[in-house]
Amino acid sequence: MSVVRYLDTSSQTPPQTFLASLWGGFLGLLIFVPLLVINVFQMLSTLLIPISPSVFRKTNRFIANYYWGFLVLIFEKVNKIRVDITGDEIPPQENAVVDCNHQNIADIPILMVLAWRKDRLGDLKFFVKDVIKYVPGPGWGMIFLDCIFVKRNWLSDKEKIDATFHKFKVNKTPLWIVSFLEGTRITASKLEKSQAFMKRKGLPITQHVMAPRTKGFIASVNSMRKELDAVYNVTIYYPEGIPSLWQLLKGDCKTIRMHVKRTAIDRVPEPEAELEQWVIDAYVEKDKLLGNLKKANPLEPDSSEEHSPPIKVRS
């Protein structure tokens, strides 16, 4: 069984650790305190709903786009985190379902780097745990962006998901629907349980990703098929080890690799059994890619990489 490797900063001297913590604390306040102010503006934006629901949605997209753009600037330009993107070319402003392997909460701001490049930053719609909506700041903000809150029980979640998708269709909402199909962040113990599950079900046993939960993905793709342009299978790899959000804030993580495979929606299978197998095959492919990345020199750049352009936040 593969060992899940986290970013190790134990080699830092006490002064380095202290200064990094001060820096991380400063950026944390700079990032998280304004969220409460943003929540106030989002609440005030509800006054626009009776006048123009369209203006209400555009206002909250504008807020998300600029705030998340600020996060991208902090991580890429201030903390100088290099995000190297390989794989298929992604056209800007597509509607897509985005499936990504899930290693830590750090995955979310890294996905924002990709969304910023493709002019979909304010249009991210995350599948998130229901309890998050009660958290001031990020949770409250996601409510106004029509993120999809789920309780991990498909029967109880389905009605809410269908209602949200109906809203997207009626309003012709531009979107990237982001889903972490593993359902939770990977750990060594969770991976071991997932491998036991895969063995019982006769599935290919993966070493670097867990078995995908396919029901929500199948429902998302088939329900929104007419509104989608593509499905993106995103694989994130941390050469230095998986960082926490705190380590991203401190600037401990310096290099991240992201591989994107784009499949046009008309090439994504529609029958449920075929689509489920398509997802399983995609995770076997993710597993092989991560295995190859771990075997290779992790910090050596690839000639096909797409490097970070200058930051310019879009409205």
Protein backbone atom coordinates (compact mmCIF):
# COMPACT_ATOMS: atom_id res chain seq x y z
CA MET A 1 0.00 0.00 0.00
CA SER A 2 1.23 3.46 -0.92
CA VAL A 3 2.11 5.81 1.94
CA VAL A 4 0.31 9.16 1.87
CA ARG A 5 3.10 11.71 2.22
CA TYR A 6 2.52 15.11 3.82
CA LEU A 7 4.70 18.20 3.55
CA ASP A 8 7.39 17.97 6.23
CA THR A 9 8.79 21.24 7.58
CA SER A 10 10.59 19.77 10.57
CA SER A 11 13.97 20.72 9.08
CA GLN A 12 13.19 24.43 9.54
CA THR A 13 15.12 26.18 12.30
CA PRO A 14 13.11 27.71 15.19
CA PRO A 15 13.60 31.25 13.82
CA GLN A 16 12.41 30.11 10.37
CA THR A 17 9.36 28.42 11.90
CA PHE A 18 8.55 31.52 13.95
CA LEU A 19 8.86 33.91 11.01
CA ALA A 20 6.82 31.60 8.76
CA SER A 21 4.09 31.40 11.40
CA LEU A 22 4.01 35.19 11.74
CA TRP A 23 3.70 35.50 7.97
CA GLY A 24 1.01 32.84 7.78
CA GLY A 25 -0.94 34.50 10.60
CA PHE A 26 -0.76 37.86 8.85
CA LEU A 27 -2.00 36.42 5.54
CA GLY A 28 -4.68 34.44 7.36
CA LEU A 29 -6.10 37.63 8.87
CA LEU A 30 -5.76 39.40 5.53
CA ILE A 31 -7.74 36.63 3.82
CA PHE A 32 -10.34 35.55 6.37
CA VAL A 33 -11.37 38.76 8.17
CA PRO A 34 -12.65 40.45 4.96
CA LEU A 35 -14.90 37.43 4.40
CA LEU A 36 -17.17 38.61 7.21
CA VAL A 37 -17.47 42.02 5.54
CA ILE A 38 -18.18 40.28 2.24
CA ASN A 39 -20.94 38.26 3.93
CA VAL A 40 -22.62 41.55 4.91
CA PHE A 41 -22.57 42.77 1.29
CA GLN A 42 -23.89 39.39 0.14
CA MET A 43 -26.78 39.63 2.60
CA LEU A 44 -27.56 43.14 1.38
CA SER A 45 -27.54 41.84 -2.19
CA THR A 46 -30.70 39.84 -1.40
CA LEU A 47 -32.56 43.16 -1.66
CA LEU A 48 -31.92 42.90 -5.40
CA ILE A 49 -33.83 39.63 -5.79
CA PRO A 50 -37.34 41.18 -6.08
CA ILE A 51 -35.99 43.80 -8.47
CA SER A 52 -33.71 41.65 -10.65
CA PRO A 53 -32.61 38.09 -9.80
CA SER A 54 -30.13 38.35 -12.65
CA VAL A 55 -28.42 41.37 -11.09
CA PHE A 56 -28.36 39.54 -7.73
CA ARG A 57 -26.51 36.60 -9.32
CA LYS A 58 -24.12 38.85 -11.23
CA THR A 59 -23.35 40.82 -8.07
CA ASN A 60 -22.40 37.70 -6.15
CA ARG A 61 -20.38 36.40 -9.09
CA PHE A 62 -18.51 39.70 -9.14
CA ILE A 63 -17.81 39.46 -5.39
CA ALA A 64 -16.59 35.85 -5.66
CA ASN A 65 -14.48 36.57 -8.71
CA TYR A 66 -12.60 39.42 -7.06
CA TYR A 67 -12.21 37.80 -3.67
CA TRP A 68 -11.05 34.46 -5.06
CA GLY A 69 -8.84 36.34 -7.51
CA PHE A 70 -7.24 37.96 -4.46
CA LEU A 71 -6.54 34.46 -3.08
CA VAL A 72 -4.90 33.42 -6.35
CA LEU A 73 -2.71 36.52 -6.21
CA ILE A 74 -1.70 35.79 -2.60
CA PHE A 75 -0.71 32.19 -3.25
CA GLU A 76 0.92 32.57 -6.67
CA LYS A 77 2.49 36.02 -6.56
CA VAL A 78 2.99 36.85 -2.90
CA ASN A 79 3.91 33.37 -1.62
CA LYS A 80 5.43 32.52 -5.02
CA ILE A 81 3.82 29.09 -5.32
CA ARG A 82 4.50 27.70 -8.77
CA VAL A 83 1.53 25.85 -10.28
CA ASP A 84 2.59 23.92 -13.38
CA ILE A 85 -0.38 22.85 -15.53
CA THR A 86 -0.09 20.08 -18.11
CA GLY A 87 -2.54 18.11 -20.23
CA ASP A 88 -5.33 19.22 -22.54
CA GLU A 89 -5.95 22.80 -23.51
CA ILE A 90 -9.04 24.15 -21.76
CA PRO A 91 -11.04 26.78 -23.69
CA PRO A 92 -12.08 29.78 -21.59
CA GLN A 93 -15.65 30.20 -20.33
CA GLU A 94 -16.80 26.63 -20.87
CA ASN A 95 -19.49 25.08 -18.71
CA ALA A 96 -18.03 21.95 -17.14
CA VAL A 97 -18.13 19.38 -14.38
CA VAL A 98 -14.70 19.37 -12.71
CA ASP A 99 -13.63 16.16 -10.97
CA CYS A 100 -10.45 16.30 -8.88
CA ASN A 101 -8.56 13.97 -6.56
CA HIS A 102 -8.83 15.19 -2.96
CA GLN A 103 -5.80 15.32 -0.66
CA ASN A 104 -6.39 18.32 1.57
CA ILE A 105 -8.29 21.60 1.76
CA ALA A 106 -5.32 23.10 -0.09
CA ASP A 107 -6.77 21.52 -3.25
CA ILE A 108 -9.49 24.18 -3.35
CA PRO A 109 -7.34 27.32 -3.79
CA ILE A 110 -5.18 25.39 -6.26
CA LEU A 111 -8.26 24.62 -8.38
CA MET A 112 -9.01 28.35 -8.25
CA VAL A 113 -5.72 28.96 -10.06
CA LEU A 114 -7.03 26.91 -13.00
CA ALA A 115 -10.46 28.57 -12.87
CA TRP A 116 -8.87 32.03 -12.91
CA ARG A 117 -6.93 31.23 -16.06
CA LYS A 118 -10.11 30.07 -17.82
CA ASP A 119 -12.36 32.95 -16.70
CA ARG A 120 -14.58 30.77 -14.53
CA LEU A 121 -13.39 31.86 -11.08
CA GLY A 122 -16.65 33.51 -10.02
CA ASP A 123 -18.64 30.62 -11.49
CA LEU A 124 -17.30 27.82 -9.27
CA LYS A 125 -20.08 25.71 -7.73
CA PHE A 126 -18.67 23.31 -5.14
CA PHE A 127 -20.21 20.15 -3.75
CA VAL A 128 -19.58 20.69 -0.03
CA LYS A 129 -20.61 19.08 3.25
CA ASP A 130 -23.90 20.44 4.55
CA VAL A 131 -22.40 21.55 7.87
CA ILE A 132 -20.14 24.06 6.07
CA LYS A 133 -23.08 26.36 5.35
CA TYR A 134 -23.24 27.24 9.05
CA VAL A 135 -19.66 28.54 9.07
CA PRO A 136 -19.45 32.38 8.88
CA GLY A 137 -17.23 33.54 6.06
CA PRO A 138 -16.67 30.76 3.55
CA GLY A 139 -19.83 28.77 4.37
CA TRP A 140 -22.21 31.72 4.29
CA GLY A 141 -20.55 32.96 1.12
CA MET A 142 -21.12 29.66 -0.65
CA ILE A 143 -24.86 29.85 0.05
CA PHE A 144 -25.11 33.03 -2.04
CA LEU A 145 -23.15 31.35 -4.86
CA ASP A 146 -25.55 28.38 -5.08
CA CYS A 147 -22.96 25.84 -4.03
CA ILE A 148 -24.40 22.37 -3.49
CA PHE A 149 -24.58 21.32 0.17
CA VAL A 150 -24.85 17.57 0.70
CA LYS A 151 -25.14 15.22 3.69
CA ARG A 152 -23.51 12.22 1.95
CA ASN A 153 -26.87 10.45 1.82
CA TRP A 154 -27.91 10.21 -1.78
CA LEU A 155 -31.63 9.72 -1.08
CA SER A 156 -31.83 12.85 1.09
CA ASP A 157 -29.50 14.92 -1.12
CA LYS A 158 -31.09 14.14 -4.49
CA GLU A 159 -34.09 16.47 -4.15
CA LYS A 160 -31.90 19.45 -3.16
CA ILE A 161 -29.41 18.73 -5.94
CA ASP A 162 -32.19 18.50 -8.54
CA ALA A 163 -33.65 21.81 -7.34
CA THR A 164 -30.27 23.54 -7.60
CA PHE A 165 -29.64 22.13 -11.07
CA HIS A 166 -33.11 23.27 -12.15
CA LYS A 167 -32.19 26.78 -11.04
CA PHE A 168 -28.97 26.61 -13.09
CA LYS A 169 -30.91 25.54 -16.18
CA VAL A 170 -33.67 28.13 -15.88
CA ASN A 171 -31.20 30.96 -15.27
CA LYS A 172 -28.68 29.71 -17.84
CA THR A 173 -26.01 30.03 -15.16
CA PRO A 174 -22.36 29.92 -16.31
CA LEU A 175 -20.62 27.35 -14.13
CA TRP A 176 -17.92 24.92 -13.19
CA ILE A 177 -19.45 22.25 -10.94
CA VAL A 178 -16.59 21.03 -8.75
CA SER A 179 -16.80 17.59 -7.16
CA PHE A 180 -14.29 15.52 -5.18
CA LEU A 181 -15.60 12.05 -5.96
CA GLU A 182 -13.52 10.35 -3.27
CA GLY A 183 -15.90 12.02 -0.83
CA THR A 184 -13.24 12.95 1.70
CA ARG A 185 -9.58 13.88 1.98
CA ILE A 186 -7.18 10.99 1.54
CA THR A 187 -5.28 9.56 4.52
CA ALA A 188 -3.36 6.30 4.89
CA SER A 189 -6.16 4.72 6.94
CA LYS A 190 -8.91 5.88 4.58
CA LEU A 191 -6.95 4.61 1.60
CA GLU A 192 -6.56 1.22 3.27
CA LYS A 193 -10.34 1.02 3.86
CA SER A 194 -10.99 2.07 0.27
CA GLN A 195 -8.65 -0.62 -1.02
CA ALA A 196 -10.53 -3.23 1.03
CA PHE A 197 -13.79 -1.96 -0.50
CA MET A 198 -12.33 -2.14 -4.02
CA LYS A 199 -11.16 -5.69 -3.39
CA ARG A 200 -14.63 -6.76 -2.19
CA LYS A 201 -16.27 -5.20 -5.25
CA GLY A 202 -13.77 -6.62 -7.70
CA LEU A 203 -12.56 -3.17 -8.72
CA PRO A 204 -8.99 -2.26 -9.71
CA ILE A 205 -7.07 -1.52 -6.50
CA THR A 206 -5.49 1.92 -6.63
CA GLN A 207 -2.49 3.09 -4.61
CA HIS A 208 -2.74 6.89 -4.74
CA VAL A 209 -6.48 7.66 -4.98
CA MET A 210 -9.54 6.22 -3.28
CA ALA A 211 -12.55 4.63 -4.95
CA PRO A 212 -14.81 7.28 -6.51
CA ARG A 213 -18.40 7.71 -5.36
CA THR A 214 -20.21 7.72 -8.66
CA LYS A 215 -23.90 8.42 -7.96
CA GLY A 216 -23.61 12.18 -7.54
CA PHE A 217 -21.29 12.48 -10.52
CA ILE A 218 -23.64 10.49 -12.79
CA ALA A 219 -26.60 12.60 -11.66
CA SER A 220 -24.68 15.84 -12.22
CA VAL A 221 -23.49 14.97 -15.71
CA ASN A 222 -26.76 13.48 -16.98
CA SER A 223 -28.98 16.14 -15.39
CA MET A 224 -26.90 19.04 -16.73
CA ARG A 225 -25.75 17.39 -19.97
CA LYS A 226 -27.48 19.87 -22.29
CA GLU A 227 -25.91 22.81 -20.41
CA LEU A 228 -22.37 21.38 -20.27
CA ASP A 229 -19.52 21.66 -22.75
CA ALA A 230 -17.14 19.17 -21.15
CA VAL A 231 -15.98 17.17 -18.16
CA TYR A 232 -12.51 17.94 -16.74
CA ASN A 233 -10.61 15.24 -14.89
CA VAL A 234 -8.06 17.12 -12.79
CA THR A 235 -5.16 15.47 -10.99
CA ILE A 236 -3.20 17.51 -8.42
CA TYR A 237 0.24 16.38 -7.26
CA TYR A 238 2.33 17.95 -4.51
CA PRO A 239 5.99 17.03 -5.15
CA GLU A 240 7.13 18.23 -1.71
CA GLY A 241 4.32 16.43 0.10
CA ILE A 242 0.66 17.27 0.67
CA PRO A 243 0.41 20.69 2.37
CA SER A 244 -2.21 21.94 4.78
CA LEU A 245 -3.91 25.28 4.16
CA TRP A 246 -1.79 26.66 7.00
CA GLN A 247 1.39 25.56 5.18
CA LEU A 248 0.16 27.24 1.99
CA LEU A 249 -0.36 30.45 3.95
CA LYS A 250 3.11 30.23 5.51
CA GLY A 251 4.68 29.75 2.08
CA ASP A 252 6.11 26.30 2.91
CA CYS A 253 4.84 24.76 -0.34
CA LYS A 254 6.63 26.03 -3.44
CA THR A 255 5.72 23.72 -6.35
CA ILE A 256 2.46 22.08 -7.40
CA ARG A 257 1.69 20.08 -10.52
CA MET A 258 -1.76 19.86 -12.07
CA HIS A 259 -2.77 17.65 -14.98
CA VAL A 260 -6.06 18.26 -16.81
CA LYS A 261 -7.86 15.87 -19.14
CA ARG A 262 -10.78 17.40 -21.02
CA THR A 263 -13.56 15.23 -22.45
CA ALA A 264 -16.19 16.93 -24.61
CA ILE A 265 -19.66 16.23 -23.25
CA ASP A 266 -20.76 14.43 -26.43
CA ARG A 267 -17.97 11.88 -25.79
CA VAL A 268 -19.01 11.20 -22.19
CA PRO A 269 -21.19 8.05 -21.97
CA GLU A 270 -24.85 8.57 -21.05
CA PRO A 271 -26.11 5.14 -19.88
CA GLU A 272 -25.49 4.92 -16.13
CA ALA A 273 -23.56 1.64 -16.22
CA GLU A 274 -21.24 2.93 -18.95
CA LEU A 275 -20.76 6.28 -17.23
CA GLU A 276 -19.93 4.56 -13.95
CA GLN A 277 -17.28 2.45 -15.67
CA TRP A 278 -15.95 5.59 -17.40
CA VAL A 279 -15.47 7.22 -13.99
CA ILE A 280 -13.74 4.14 -12.55
CA ASP A 281 -11.40 4.04 -15.55
CA ALA A 282 -10.65 7.74 -15.04
CA TYR A 283 -9.56 7.05 -11.45
CA VAL A 284 -7.35 4.16 -12.52
CA GLU A 285 -5.76 6.62 -14.95
CA LYS A 286 -5.34 9.21 -12.17
CA ASP A 287 -3.68 6.58 -10.02
CA LYS A 288 -1.19 5.66 -12.75
CA LEU A 289 -0.40 9.32 -13.39
CA LEU A 290 0.26 10.00 -9.70
CA GLY A 291 2.43 6.88 -9.51
CA ASN A 292 4.50 8.03 -12.48
CA LEU A 293 4.85 11.55 -11.02
CA LYS A 294 6.09 10.14 -7.72
CA LYS A 295 8.64 7.96 -9.50
CA ALA A 296 9.94 10.79 -11.69
CA ASN A 297 12.06 13.73 -10.59
CA PRO A 298 9.21 15.71 -9.01
CA LEU A 299 10.74 19.17 -9.29
CA GLU A 300 12.00 18.98 -12.86
CA PRO A 301 9.74 21.08 -15.13
CA ASP A 302 8.15 19.64 -18.25
CA SER A 303 8.52 21.49 -21.53
CA SER A 304 4.75 21.36 -22.06
CA GLU A 305 3.90 23.15 -18.81
CA GLU A 306 1.71 26.22 -18.74
CA HIS A 307 3.32 28.73 -16.42
CA SER A 308 1.59 31.44 -14.42
CA PRO A 309 0.66 34.59 -16.38
CA PRO A 310 0.65 37.98 -14.66
CA ILE A 311 -2.30 38.32 -12.30
CA LYS A 312 -5.11 40.53 -13.54
CA VAL A 313 -8.39 39.98 -11.73
CA ARG A 314 -11.33 39.79 -14.12
CA SER A 315 -14.81 41.09 -13.43
